[in-house]
Amino acid sequence: MRDRRHPAYWGFVLHRVSGIGLALFLPLHFWALGHAIQGEAALEGFLRFTDNWAFKAGEWGLVTLLALHLAGGLRVLALEFLGWRARQKDLVALSAGFALGAGLMFLLHAG
């Protein structure tokens, strides 16, 4: 069994957890799209409902999950096409830094 303290293991875990989080978000996304299909008034009511701090925090979480999943997927592609390298810790740190940076950029520009 692999060492669970290794950064590559945590990169694997973050990629899987972010994928599950994004999959759980999809029904909410389809629910929101359903309001748009029902008409302008339904969508406007939904948008007013979502204009609070909890949904803003959720949007930040969603952007961060997307960035984590993208960075983890790029790390997996690098493993597939480039093979194992001794600098896997650097790739994991770079992936996590990219994801957190994307989330912070969204948070700074959300308004």
PDB file of N, CA and C in Angstrom:
ATOM      1  N   MET A   1       0.847  -1.184   0.000  1.00  0.00           N
ATOM      2  CA  MET A   1       0.000   0.000   0.000  1.00  0.00           C
ATOM      3  C   MET A   1       0.892   1.247   0.000  1.00  0.00           C
ATOM      4  N   ARG A   2       0.512   2.228  -0.774  1.00  0.00           N
ATOM      5  CA  ARG A   2       1.323   3.442  -0.899  1.00  0.00           C
ATOM      6  C   ARG A   2       1.302   4.266   0.374  1.00  0.00           C
ATOM      7  N   ASP A   3       2.338   5.041   0.523  1.00  0.00           N
ATOM      8  CA  ASP A   3       2.444   5.943   1.664  1.00  0.00           C
ATOM      9  C   ASP A   3       1.465   7.096   1.485  1.00  0.00           C
ATOM     10  N   ARG A   4       0.565   7.253   2.425  1.00  0.00           N
ATOM     11  CA  ARG A   4      -0.471   8.283   2.304  1.00  0.00           C
ATOM     12  C   ARG A   4       0.013   9.663   2.690  1.00  0.00           C
ATOM     13  N   ARG A   5       1.240   9.774   3.102  1.00  0.00           N
ATOM     14  CA  ARG A   5       1.798  11.090   3.409  1.00  0.00           C
ATOM     15  C   ARG A   5       2.479  11.709   2.187  1.00  0.00           C
ATOM     16  N   HIS A   6       2.601  10.955   1.127  1.00  0.00           N
ATOM     17  CA  HIS A   6       3.275  11.440  -0.074  1.00  0.00           C
ATOM     18  C   HIS A   6       2.413  12.487  -0.777  1.00  0.00           C
ATOM     19  N   PRO A   7       3.007  13.590  -1.221  1.00  0.00           N
ATOM     20  CA  PRO A   7       2.221  14.643  -1.894  1.00  0.00           C
ATOM     21  C   PRO A   7       1.464  14.153  -3.127  1.00  0.00           C
ATOM     22  N   ALA A   8       2.002  13.176  -3.841  1.00  0.00           N
ATOM     23  CA  ALA A   8       1.303  12.672  -5.019  1.00  0.00           C
ATOM     24  C   ALA A   8      -0.008  11.986  -4.619  1.00  0.00           C
ATOM     25  N   TYR A   9      -0.023  11.350  -3.458  1.00  0.00           N
ATOM     26  CA  TYR A   9      -1.260  10.732  -2.976  1.00  0.00           C
ATOM     27  C   TYR A   9      -2.305  11.808  -2.712  1.00  0.00           C
ATOM     28  N   TRP A  10      -1.885  12.913  -2.109  1.00  0.00           N
ATOM     29  CA  TRP A  10      -2.838  13.986  -1.815  1.00  0.00           C
ATOM     30  C   TRP A  10      -3.292  14.685  -3.092  1.00  0.00           C
ATOM     31  N   GLY A  11      -2.433  14.721  -4.096  1.00  0.00           N
ATOM     32  CA  GLY A  11      -2.860  15.220  -5.402  1.00  0.00           C
ATOM     33  C   GLY A  11      -3.943  14.331  -5.991  1.00  0.00           C
ATOM     34  N   PHE A  12      -3.761  13.023  -5.856  1.00  0.00           N
ATOM     35  CA  PHE A  12      -4.767  12.051  -6.303  1.00  0.00           C
ATOM     36  C   PHE A  12      -6.089  12.266  -5.561  1.00  0.00           C
ATOM     37  N   VAL A  13      -6.009  12.433  -4.237  1.00  0.00           N
ATOM     38  CA  VAL A  13      -7.219  12.615  -3.427  1.00  0.00           C
ATOM     39  C   VAL A  13      -7.935  13.910  -3.813  1.00  0.00           C
ATOM     40  N   LEU A  14      -7.194  15.002  -3.957  1.00  0.00           N
ATOM     41  CA  LEU A  14      -7.819  16.276  -4.313  1.00  0.00           C
ATOM     42  C   LEU A  14      -8.504  16.207  -5.680  1.00  0.00           C
ATOM     43  N   HIS A  15      -7.881  15.504  -6.622  1.00  0.00           N
ATOM     44  CA  HIS A  15      -8.473  15.378  -7.946  1.00  0.00           C
ATOM     45  C   HIS A  15      -9.789  14.607  -7.874  1.00  0.00           C
ATOM     46  N   ARG A  16      -9.818  13.527  -7.098  1.00  0.00           N
ATOM     47  CA  ARG A  16     -11.037  12.734  -6.978  1.00  0.00           C
ATOM     48  C   ARG A  16     -12.123  13.485  -6.205  1.00  0.00           C
ATOM     49  N   VAL A  17     -11.761  14.128  -5.108  1.00  0.00           N
ATOM     50  CA  VAL A  17     -12.745  14.856  -4.293  1.00  0.00           C
ATOM     51  C   VAL A  17     -13.324  16.036  -5.077  1.00  0.00           C
ATOM     52  N   SER A  18     -12.478  16.745  -5.821  1.00  0.00           N
ATOM     53  CA  SER A  18     -12.994  17.862  -6.617  1.00  0.00           C
ATOM     54  C   SER A  18     -13.927  17.356  -7.706  1.00  0.00           C
ATOM     55  N   GLY A  19     -13.644  16.200  -8.288  1.00  0.00           N
ATOM     56  CA  GLY A  19     -14.533  15.618  -9.289  1.00  0.00           C
ATOM     57  C   GLY A  19     -15.885  15.256  -8.696  1.00  0.00           C
ATOM     58  N   ILE A  20     -15.879  14.694  -7.489  1.00  0.00           N
ATOM     59  CA  ILE A  20     -17.136  14.359  -6.822  1.00  0.00           C
ATOM     60  C   ILE A  20     -17.914  15.633  -6.496  1.00  0.00           C
ATOM     61  N   GLY A  21     -17.211  16.667  -6.007  1.00  0.00           N
ATOM     62  CA  GLY A  21     -17.876  17.942  -5.704  1.00  0.00           C
ATOM     63  C   GLY A  21     -18.515  18.562  -6.935  1.00  0.00           C
ATOM     64  N   LEU A  22     -17.824  18.494  -8.061  1.00  0.00           N
ATOM     65  CA  LEU A  22     -18.383  19.035  -9.303  1.00  0.00           C
ATOM     66  C   LEU A  22     -19.583  18.214  -9.771  1.00  0.00           C
ATOM     67  N   ALA A  23     -19.514  16.904  -9.602  1.00  0.00           N
ATOM     68  CA  ALA A  23     -20.645  16.056  -9.976  1.00  0.00           C
ATOM     69  C   ALA A  23     -21.857  16.355  -9.094  1.00  0.00           C
ATOM     70  N   LEU A  24     -21.634  16.634  -7.818  1.00  0.00           N
ATOM     71  CA  LEU A  24     -22.744  16.970  -6.931  1.00  0.00           C
ATOM     72  C   LEU A  24     -23.344  18.336  -7.259  1.00  0.00           C
ATOM     73  N   PHE A  25     -22.543  19.217  -7.846  1.00  0.00           N
ATOM     74  CA  PHE A  25     -23.027  20.542  -8.232  1.00  0.00           C
ATOM     75  C   PHE A  25     -23.953  20.488  -9.451  1.00  0.00           C
ATOM     76  N   LEU A  26     -23.780  19.510 -10.315  1.00  0.00           N
ATOM     77  CA  LEU A  26     -24.532  19.476 -11.576  1.00  0.00           C
ATOM     78  C   LEU A  26     -26.047  19.537 -11.408  1.00  0.00           C
ATOM     79  N   PRO A  27     -26.659  18.806 -10.483  1.00  0.00           N
ATOM     80  CA  PRO A  27     -28.118  18.948 -10.345  1.00  0.00           C
ATOM     81  C   PRO A  27     -28.543  20.376  -9.982  1.00  0.00           C
ATOM     82  N   LEU A  28     -27.755  21.064  -9.165  1.00  0.00           N
ATOM     83  CA  LEU A  28     -28.073  22.460  -8.836  1.00  0.00           C
ATOM     84  C   LEU A  28     -27.958  23.354 -10.062  1.00  0.00           C
ATOM     85  N   HIS A  29     -26.985  23.063 -10.882  1.00  0.00           N
ATOM     86  CA  HIS A  29     -26.804  23.832 -12.116  1.00  0.00           C
ATOM     87  C   HIS A  29     -27.992  23.627 -13.057  1.00  0.00           C
ATOM     88  N   PHE A  30     -28.437  22.388 -13.181  1.00  0.00           N
ATOM     89  CA  PHE A  30     -29.586  22.115 -14.042  1.00  0.00           C
ATOM     90  C   PHE A  30     -30.856  22.740 -13.476  1.00  0.00           C
ATOM     91  N   TRP A  31     -30.962  22.787 -12.162  1.00  0.00           N
ATOM     92  CA  TRP A  31     -32.100  23.453 -11.520  1.00  0.00           C
ATOM     93  C   TRP A  31     -32.105  24.941 -11.879  1.00  0.00           C
ATOM     94  N   ALA A  32     -30.929  25.568 -11.835  1.00  0.00           N
ATOM     95  CA  ALA A  32     -30.825  26.984 -12.194  1.00  0.00           C
ATOM     96  C   ALA A  32     -31.161  27.191 -13.672  1.00  0.00           C
ATOM     97  N   LEU A  33     -30.679  26.315 -14.526  1.00  0.00           N
ATOM     98  CA  LEU A  33     -31.001  26.430 -15.951  1.00  0.00           C
ATOM     99  C   LEU A  33     -32.494  26.244 -16.201  1.00  0.00           C
ATOM    100  N   GLY A  34     -33.129  25.418 -15.397  1.00  0.00           N
ATOM    101  CA  GLY A  34     -34.569  25.224 -15.529  1.00  0.00           C
ATOM    102  C   GLY A  34     -35.335  26.515 -15.303  1.00  0.00           C
ATOM    103  N   HIS A  35     -34.832  27.360 -14.392  1.00  0.00           N
ATOM    104  CA  HIS A  35     -35.476  28.653 -14.165  1.00  0.00           C
ATOM    105  C   HIS A  35     -35.353  29.548 -15.400  1.00  0.00           C
ATOM    106  N   ALA A  36     -34.243  29.462 -16.083  1.00  0.00           N
ATOM    107  CA  ALA A  36     -34.059  30.264 -17.292  1.00  0.00           C
ATOM    108  C   ALA A  36     -35.019  29.819 -18.388  1.00  0.00           C
ATOM    109  N   ILE A  37     -35.281  28.534 -18.463  1.00  0.00           N
ATOM    110  CA  ILE A  37     -36.197  28.014 -19.483  1.00  0.00           C
ATOM    111  C   ILE A  37     -37.634  28.429 -19.182  1.00  0.00           C
ATOM    112  N   GLN A  38     -37.980  28.561 -17.886  1.00  0.00           N
ATOM    113  CA  GLN A  38     -39.345  28.918 -17.501  1.00  0.00           C
ATOM    114  C   GLN A  38     -39.696  30.361 -17.827  1.00  0.00           C
ATOM    115  N   GLY A  39     -38.698  31.173 -18.065  1.00  0.00           N
ATOM    116  CA  GLY A  39     -38.980  32.549 -18.444  1.00  0.00           C
ATOM    117  C   GLY A  39     -38.150  33.546 -17.648  1.00  0.00           C
ATOM    118  N   GLU A  40     -38.241  34.779 -18.082  1.00  0.00           N
ATOM    119  CA  GLU A  40     -37.437  35.849 -17.486  1.00  0.00           C
ATOM    120  C   GLU A  40     -37.796  36.099 -16.023  1.00  0.00           C
ATOM    121  N   ALA A  41     -39.074  36.056 -15.690  1.00  0.00           N
ATOM    122  CA  ALA A  41     -39.499  36.318 -14.315  1.00  0.00           C
ATOM    123  C   ALA A  41     -38.986  35.240 -13.366  1.00  0.00           C
ATOM    124  N   ALA A  42     -39.038  33.986 -13.778  1.00  0.00           N
ATOM    125  CA  ALA A  42     -38.547  32.894 -12.938  1.00  0.00           C
ATOM    126  C   ALA A  42     -37.046  33.005 -12.732  1.00  0.00           C
ATOM    127  N   LEU A  43     -36.325  33.344 -13.797  1.00  0.00           N
ATOM    128  CA  LEU A  43     -34.878  33.494 -13.677  1.00  0.00           C
ATOM    129  C   LEU A  43     -34.529  34.678 -12.788  1.00  0.00           C
ATOM    130  N   GLU A  44     -35.230  35.782 -12.940  1.00  0.00           N
ATOM    131  CA  GLU A  44     -34.967  36.967 -12.114  1.00  0.00           C
ATOM    132  C   GLU A  44     -35.207  36.671 -10.635  1.00  0.00           C
ATOM    133  N   GLY A  45     -36.266  35.945 -10.332  1.00  0.00           N
ATOM    134  CA  GLY A  45     -36.535  35.551  -8.947  1.00  0.00           C
ATOM    135  C   GLY A  45     -35.446  34.656  -8.393  1.00  0.00           C
ATOM    136  N   PHE A  46     -34.983  33.721  -9.218  1.00  0.00           N
ATOM    137  CA  PHE A  46     -33.906  32.837  -8.795  1.00  0.00           C
ATOM    138  C   PHE A  46     -32.619  33.625  -8.544  1.00  0.00           C
ATOM    139  N   LEU A  47     -32.306  34.572  -9.423  1.00  0.00           N
ATOM    140  CA  LEU A  47     -31.092  35.367  -9.259  1.00  0.00           C
ATOM    141  C   LEU A  47     -31.159  36.247  -8.005  1.00  0.00           C
ATOM    142  N   ARG A  48     -32.330  36.761  -7.693  1.00  0.00           N
ATOM    143  CA  ARG A  48     -32.486  37.519  -6.438  1.00  0.00           C
ATOM    144  C   ARG A  48     -32.274  36.608  -5.234  1.00  0.00           C
ATOM    145  N   PHE A  49     -32.795  35.385  -5.320  1.00  0.00           N
ATOM    146  CA  PHE A  49     -32.638  34.413  -4.242  1.00  0.00           C
ATOM    147  C   PHE A  49     -31.163  34.084  -4.005  1.00  0.00           C
ATOM    148  N   THR A  50     -30.377  34.027  -5.070  1.00  0.00           N
ATOM    149  CA  THR A  50     -28.970  33.644  -4.944  1.00  0.00           C
ATOM    150  C   THR A  50     -28.046  34.817  -4.642  1.00  0.00           C
ATOM    151  N   ASP A  51     -28.587  36.008  -4.498  1.00  0.00           N
ATOM    152  CA  ASP A  51     -27.749  37.185  -4.257  1.00  0.00           C
ATOM    153  C   ASP A  51     -27.523  37.381  -2.752  1.00  0.00           C
ATOM    154  N   ASN A  52     -26.787  36.432  -2.144  1.00  0.00           N
ATOM    155  CA  ASN A  52     -26.419  36.556  -0.735  1.00  0.00           C
ATOM    156  C   ASN A  52     -25.038  35.944  -0.516  1.00  0.00           C
ATOM    157  N   TRP A  53     -24.508  36.120   0.664  1.00  0.00           N
ATOM    158  CA  TRP A  53     -23.128  35.718   0.942  1.00  0.00           C
ATOM    159  C   TRP A  53     -22.919  34.211   0.835  1.00  0.00           C
ATOM    160  N   ALA A  54     -23.917  33.408   1.172  1.00  0.00           N
ATOM    161  CA  ALA A  54     -23.750  31.952   1.128  1.00  0.00           C
ATOM    162  C   ALA A  54     -23.544  31.469  -0.307  1.00  0.00           C
ATOM    163  N   PHE A  55     -24.290  32.041  -1.240  1.00  0.00           N
ATOM    164  CA  PHE A  55     -24.123  31.648  -2.633  1.00  0.00           C
ATOM    165  C   PHE A  55     -22.816  32.189  -3.204  1.00  0.00           C
ATOM    166  N   LYS A  56     -22.401  33.370  -2.742  1.00  0.00           N
ATOM    167  CA  LYS A  56     -21.103  33.910  -3.185  1.00  0.00           C
ATOM    168  C   LYS A  56     -19.975  33.002  -2.716  1.00  0.00           C
ATOM    169  N   ALA A  57     -20.068  32.520  -1.477  1.00  0.00           N
ATOM    170  CA  ALA A  57     -19.064  31.577  -0.964  1.00  0.00           C
ATOM    171  C   ALA A  57     -19.102  30.278  -1.758  1.00  0.00           C
ATOM    172  N   GLY A  58     -20.306  29.837  -2.116  1.00  0.00           N
ATOM    173  CA  GLY A  58     -20.443  28.633  -2.930  1.00  0.00           C
ATOM    174  C   GLY A  58     -19.838  28.802  -4.316  1.00  0.00           C
ATOM    175  N   GLU A  59     -20.001  29.981  -4.895  1.00  0.00           N
ATOM    176  CA  GLU A  59     -19.395  30.256  -6.201  1.00  0.00           C
ATOM    177  C   GLU A  59     -17.875  30.198  -6.108  1.00  0.00           C
ATOM    178  N   TRP A  60     -17.336  30.771  -5.028  1.00  0.00           N
ATOM    179  CA  TRP A  60     -15.893  30.698  -4.829  1.00  0.00           C
ATOM    180  C   TRP A  60     -15.451  29.244  -4.704  1.00  0.00           C
ATOM    181  N   GLY A  61     -16.205  28.452  -3.940  1.00  0.00           N
ATOM    182  CA  GLY A  61     -15.874  27.038  -3.792  1.00  0.00           C
ATOM    183  C   GLY A  61     -15.935  26.297  -5.115  1.00  0.00           C
ATOM    184  N   LEU A  62     -16.926  26.629  -5.925  1.00  0.00           N
ATOM    185  CA  LEU A  62     -17.067  25.985  -7.226  1.00  0.00           C
ATOM    186  C   LEU A  62     -15.888  26.315  -8.137  1.00  0.00           C
ATOM    187  N   VAL A  63     -15.498  27.574  -8.181  1.00  0.00           N
ATOM    188  CA  VAL A  63     -14.358  27.971  -9.012  1.00  0.00           C
ATOM    189  C   VAL A  63     -13.085  27.288  -8.520  1.00  0.00           C
ATOM    190  N   THR A  64     -12.925  27.204  -7.213  1.00  0.00           N
ATOM    191  CA  THR A  64     -11.746  26.540  -6.662  1.00  0.00           C
ATOM    192  C   THR A  64     -11.769  25.047  -6.988  1.00  0.00           C
ATOM    193  N   LEU A  65     -12.938  24.404  -6.891  1.00  0.00           N
ATOM    194  CA  LEU A  65     -13.044  22.989  -7.260  1.00  0.00           C
ATOM    195  C   LEU A  65     -12.715  22.782  -8.738  1.00  0.00           C
ATOM    196  N   LEU A  66     -13.221  23.669  -9.589  1.00  0.00           N
ATOM    197  CA  LEU A  66     -12.909  23.559 -11.022  1.00  0.00           C
ATOM    198  C   LEU A  66     -11.408  23.684 -11.268  1.00  0.00           C
ATOM    199  N   ALA A  67     -10.784  24.652 -10.609  1.00  0.00           N
ATOM    200  CA  ALA A  67      -9.349  24.843 -10.789  1.00  0.00           C
ATOM    201  C   ALA A  67      -8.564  23.653 -10.243  1.00  0.00           C
ATOM    202  N   LEU A  68      -8.972  23.121  -9.088  1.00  0.00           N
ATOM    203  CA  LEU A  68      -8.305  21.941  -8.532  1.00  0.00           C
ATOM    204  C   LEU A  68      -8.436  20.748  -9.467  1.00  0.00           C
ATOM    205  N   HIS A  69      -9.621  20.557 -10.010  1.00  0.00           N
ATOM    206  CA  HIS A  69      -9.836  19.422 -10.894  1.00  0.00           C
ATOM    207  C   HIS A  69      -9.035  19.586 -12.191  1.00  0.00           C
ATOM    208  N   LEU A  70      -8.997  20.793 -12.722  1.00  0.00           N
ATOM    209  CA  LEU A  70      -8.207  21.052 -13.924  1.00  0.00           C
ATOM    210  C   LEU A  70      -6.728  20.802 -13.652  1.00  0.00           C
ATOM    211  N   ALA A  71      -6.222  21.351 -12.562  1.00  0.00           N
ATOM    212  CA  ALA A  71      -4.805  21.178 -12.243  1.00  0.00           C
ATOM    213  C   ALA A  71      -4.477  19.710 -11.985  1.00  0.00           C
ATOM    214  N   GLY A  72      -5.367  19.019 -11.283  1.00  0.00           N
ATOM    215  CA  GLY A  72      -5.135  17.588 -11.043  1.00  0.00           C
ATOM    216  C   GLY A  72      -5.188  16.784 -12.326  1.00  0.00           C
ATOM    217  N   GLY A  73      -6.086  17.138 -13.219  1.00  0.00           N
ATOM    218  CA  GLY A  73      -6.163  16.453 -14.503  1.00  0.00           C
ATOM    219  C   GLY A  73      -4.923  16.682 -15.355  1.00  0.00           C
ATOM    220  N   LEU A  74      -4.403  17.899 -15.321  1.00  0.00           N
ATOM    221  CA  LEU A  74      -3.157  18.169 -16.047  1.00  0.00           C
ATOM    222  C   LEU A  74      -1.996  17.381 -15.458  1.00  0.00           C
ATOM    223  N   ARG A  75      -2.009  17.225 -14.128  1.00  0.00           N
ATOM    224  CA  ARG A  75      -0.964  16.428 -13.473  1.00  0.00           C
ATOM    225  C   ARG A  75      -1.063  14.967 -13.920  1.00  0.00           C
ATOM    226  N   VAL A  76      -2.283  14.447 -14.017  1.00  0.00           N
ATOM    227  CA  VAL A  76      -2.475  13.062 -14.466  1.00  0.00           C
ATOM    228  C   VAL A  76      -2.017  12.916 -15.916  1.00  0.00           C
ATOM    229  N   LEU A  77      -2.354  13.890 -16.759  1.00  0.00           N
ATOM    230  CA  LEU A  77      -1.890  13.836 -18.154  1.00  0.00           C
ATOM    231  C   LEU A  77      -0.376  13.862 -18.237  1.00  0.00           C
ATOM    232  N   ALA A  78       0.249  14.673 -17.396  1.00  0.00           N
ATOM    233  CA  ALA A  78       1.712  14.715 -17.379  1.00  0.00           C
ATOM    234  C   ALA A  78       2.271  13.351 -16.977  1.00  0.00           C
ATOM    235  N   LEU A  79       1.648  12.696 -16.012  1.00  0.00           N
ATOM    236  CA  LEU A  79       2.090  11.359 -15.612  1.00  0.00           C
ATOM    237  C   LEU A  79       1.931  10.361 -16.755  1.00  0.00           C
ATOM    238  N   GLU A  80       0.813  10.454 -17.464  1.00  0.00           N
ATOM    239  CA  GLU A  80       0.539   9.510 -18.550  1.00  0.00           C
ATOM    240  C   GLU A  80       1.512   9.673 -19.712  1.00  0.00           C
ATOM    241  N   PHE A  81       1.773  10.921 -20.078  1.00  0.00           N
ATOM    242  CA  PHE A  81       2.564  11.153 -21.279  1.00  0.00           C
ATOM    243  C   PHE A  81       4.045  11.388 -21.017  1.00  0.00           C
ATOM    244  N   LEU A  82       4.391  11.824 -19.825  1.00  0.00           N
ATOM    245  CA  LEU A  82       5.788  12.118 -19.521  1.00  0.00           C
ATOM    246  C   LEU A  82       6.431  11.078 -18.613  1.00  0.00           C
ATOM    247  N   GLY A  83       5.619  10.231 -17.999  1.00  0.00           N
ATOM    248  CA  GLY A  83       6.155   9.224 -17.098  1.00  0.00           C
ATOM    249  C   GLY A  83       6.443   9.809 -15.722  1.00  0.00           C
ATOM    250  N   TRP A  84       6.837   8.937 -14.822  1.00  0.00           N
ATOM    251  CA  TRP A  84       7.109   9.351 -13.442  1.00  0.00           C
ATOM    252  C   TRP A  84       8.394  10.165 -13.389  1.00  0.00           C
ATOM    253  N   ARG A  85       8.344  11.248 -12.687  1.00  0.00           N
ATOM    254  CA  ARG A  85       9.512  12.105 -12.499  1.00  0.00           C
ATOM    255  C   ARG A  85       9.757  12.284 -11.006  1.00  0.00           C
ATOM    256  N   ALA A  86      10.956  12.569 -10.668  1.00  0.00           N
ATOM    257  CA  ALA A  86      11.314  12.772  -9.261  1.00  0.00           C
ATOM    258  C   ALA A  86      10.703  14.055  -8.714  1.00  0.00           C
ATOM    259  N   ARG A  87      10.249  14.937  -9.584  1.00  0.00           N
ATOM    260  CA  ARG A  87       9.725  16.229  -9.138  1.00  0.00           C
ATOM    261  C   ARG A  87       8.199  16.234  -9.021  1.00  0.00           C
ATOM    262  N   GLN A  88       7.616  15.095  -8.691  1.00  0.00           N
ATOM    263  CA  GLN A  88       6.163  15.018  -8.548  1.00  0.00           C
ATOM    264  C   GLN A  88       5.660  15.936  -7.452  1.00  0.00           C
ATOM    265  N   LYS A  89       6.441  16.107  -6.399  1.00  0.00           N
ATOM    266  CA  LYS A  89       6.037  17.024  -5.322  1.00  0.00           C
ATOM    267  C   LYS A  89       5.868  18.434  -5.862  1.00  0.00           C
ATOM    268  N   ASP A  90       6.744  18.820  -6.760  1.00  0.00           N
ATOM    269  CA  ASP A  90       6.646  20.157  -7.358  1.00  0.00           C
ATOM    270  C   ASP A  90       5.377  20.297  -8.202  1.00  0.00           C
ATOM    271  N   LEU A  91       5.028  19.245  -8.945  1.00  0.00           N
ATOM    272  CA  LEU A  91       3.799  19.285  -9.749  1.00  0.00           C
ATOM    273  C   LEU A  91       2.561  19.379  -8.869  1.00  0.00           C
ATOM    274  N   VAL A  92       2.564  18.658  -7.753  1.00  0.00           N
ATOM    275  CA  VAL A  92       1.430  18.722  -6.831  1.00  0.00           C
ATOM    276  C   VAL A  92       1.321  20.121  -6.240  1.00  0.00           C
ATOM    277  N   ALA A  93       2.450  20.681  -5.805  1.00  0.00           N
ATOM    278  CA  ALA A  93       2.440  22.030  -5.225  1.00  0.00           C
ATOM    279  C   ALA A  93       2.019  23.060  -6.269  1.00  0.00           C
ATOM    280  N   LEU A  94       2.489  22.904  -7.484  1.00  0.00           N
ATOM    281  CA  LEU A  94       2.110  23.824  -8.558  1.00  0.00           C
ATOM    282  C   LEU A  94       0.615  23.727  -8.848  1.00  0.00           C
ATOM    283  N   SER A  95       0.076  22.512  -8.861  1.00  0.00           N
ATOM    284  CA  SER A  95      -1.358  22.320  -9.090  1.00  0.00           C
ATOM    285  C   SER A  95      -2.185  22.974  -7.994  1.00  0.00           C
ATOM    286  N   ALA A  96      -1.802  22.750  -6.754  1.00  0.00           N
ATOM    287  CA  ALA A  96      -2.541  23.338  -5.629  1.00  0.00           C
ATOM    288  C   ALA A  96      -2.424  24.863  -5.649  1.00  0.00           C
ATOM    289  N   GLY A  97      -1.244  25.376  -5.944  1.00  0.00           N
ATOM    290  CA  GLY A  97      -1.065  26.824  -6.019  1.00  0.00           C
ATOM    291  C   GLY A  97      -1.888  27.448  -7.128  1.00  0.00           C
ATOM    292  N   PHE A  98      -1.950  26.787  -8.272  1.00  0.00           N
ATOM    293  CA  PHE A  98      -2.765  27.268  -9.379  1.00  0.00           C
ATOM    294  C   PHE A  98      -4.236  27.333  -8.977  1.00  0.00           C
ATOM    295  N   ALA A  99      -4.714  26.279  -8.344  1.00  0.00           N
ATOM    296  CA  ALA A  99      -6.122  26.222  -7.954  1.00  0.00           C
ATOM    297  C   ALA A  99      -6.454  27.297  -6.930  1.00  0.00           C
ATOM    298  N   LEU A 100      -5.627  27.435  -5.920  1.00  0.00           N
ATOM    299  CA  LEU A 100      -5.885  28.460  -4.908  1.00  0.00           C
ATOM    300  C   LEU A 100      -5.774  29.865  -5.498  1.00  0.00           C
ATOM    301  N   GLY A 101      -4.833  30.059  -6.401  1.00  0.00           N
ATOM    302  CA  GLY A 101      -4.700  31.354  -7.069  1.00  0.00           C
ATOM    303  C   GLY A 101      -5.927  31.686  -7.896  1.00  0.00           C
ATOM    304  N   ALA A 102      -6.453  30.704  -8.620  1.00  0.00           N
ATOM    305  CA  ALA A 102      -7.667  30.931  -9.414  1.00  0.00           C
ATOM    306  C   ALA A 102      -8.845  31.268  -8.505  1.00  0.00           C
ATOM    307  N   GLY A 103      -8.959  30.558  -7.393  1.00  0.00           N
ATOM    308  CA  GLY A 103     -10.039  30.862  -6.444  1.00  0.00           C
ATOM    309  C   GLY A 103      -9.901  32.238  -5.848  1.00  0.00           C
ATOM    310  N   LEU A 104      -8.695  32.639  -5.513  1.00  0.00           N
ATOM    311  CA  LEU A 104      -8.488  33.986  -4.958  1.00  0.00           C
ATOM    312  C   LEU A 104      -8.748  35.067  -5.991  1.00  0.00           C
ATOM    313  N   MET A 105      -8.357  34.845  -7.228  1.00  0.00           N
ATOM    314  CA  MET A 105      -8.635  35.824  -8.279  1.00  0.00           C
ATOM    315  C   MET A 105     -10.133  36.004  -8.455  1.00  0.00           C
ATOM    316  N   PHE A 106     -10.880  34.910  -8.414  1.00  0.00           N
ATOM    317  CA  PHE A 106     -12.324  34.995  -8.517  1.00  0.00           C
ATOM    318  C   PHE A 106     -12.899  35.773  -7.322  1.00  0.00           C
ATOM    319  N   LEU A 107     -12.393  35.466  -6.143  1.00  0.00           N
ATOM    320  CA  LEU A 107     -12.879  36.108  -4.938  1.00  0.00           C
ATOM    321  C   LEU A 107     -12.602  37.617  -4.971  1.00  0.00           C
ATOM    322  N   LEU A 108     -11.456  38.008  -5.469  1.00  0.00           N
ATOM    323  CA  LEU A 108     -11.109  39.432  -5.556  1.00  0.00           C
ATOM    324  C   LEU A 108     -11.931  40.180  -6.607  1.00  0.00           C
ATOM    325  N   HIS A 109     -12.305  39.471  -7.663  1.00  0.00           N
ATOM    326  CA  HIS A 109     -13.053  40.138  -8.737  1.00  0.00           C
ATOM    327  C   HIS A 109     -14.559  39.970  -8.613  1.00  0.00           C
ATOM    328  N   ALA A 110     -15.011  39.142  -7.682  1.00  0.00           N
ATOM    329  CA  ALA A 110     -16.453  38.955  -7.487  1.00  0.00           C
ATOM    330  C   ALA A 110     -16.997  40.198  -6.773  1.00  0.00           C
ATOM    331  N   GLY A 111     -18.033  40.674  -7.228  1.00  0.00           N
ATOM    332  CA  GLY A 111     -18.546  41.859  -6.573  1.00  0.00           C
ATOM    333  C   GLY A 111     -19.905  42.108  -6.947  1.00  0.00           C
TER     334      GLY A 111
END
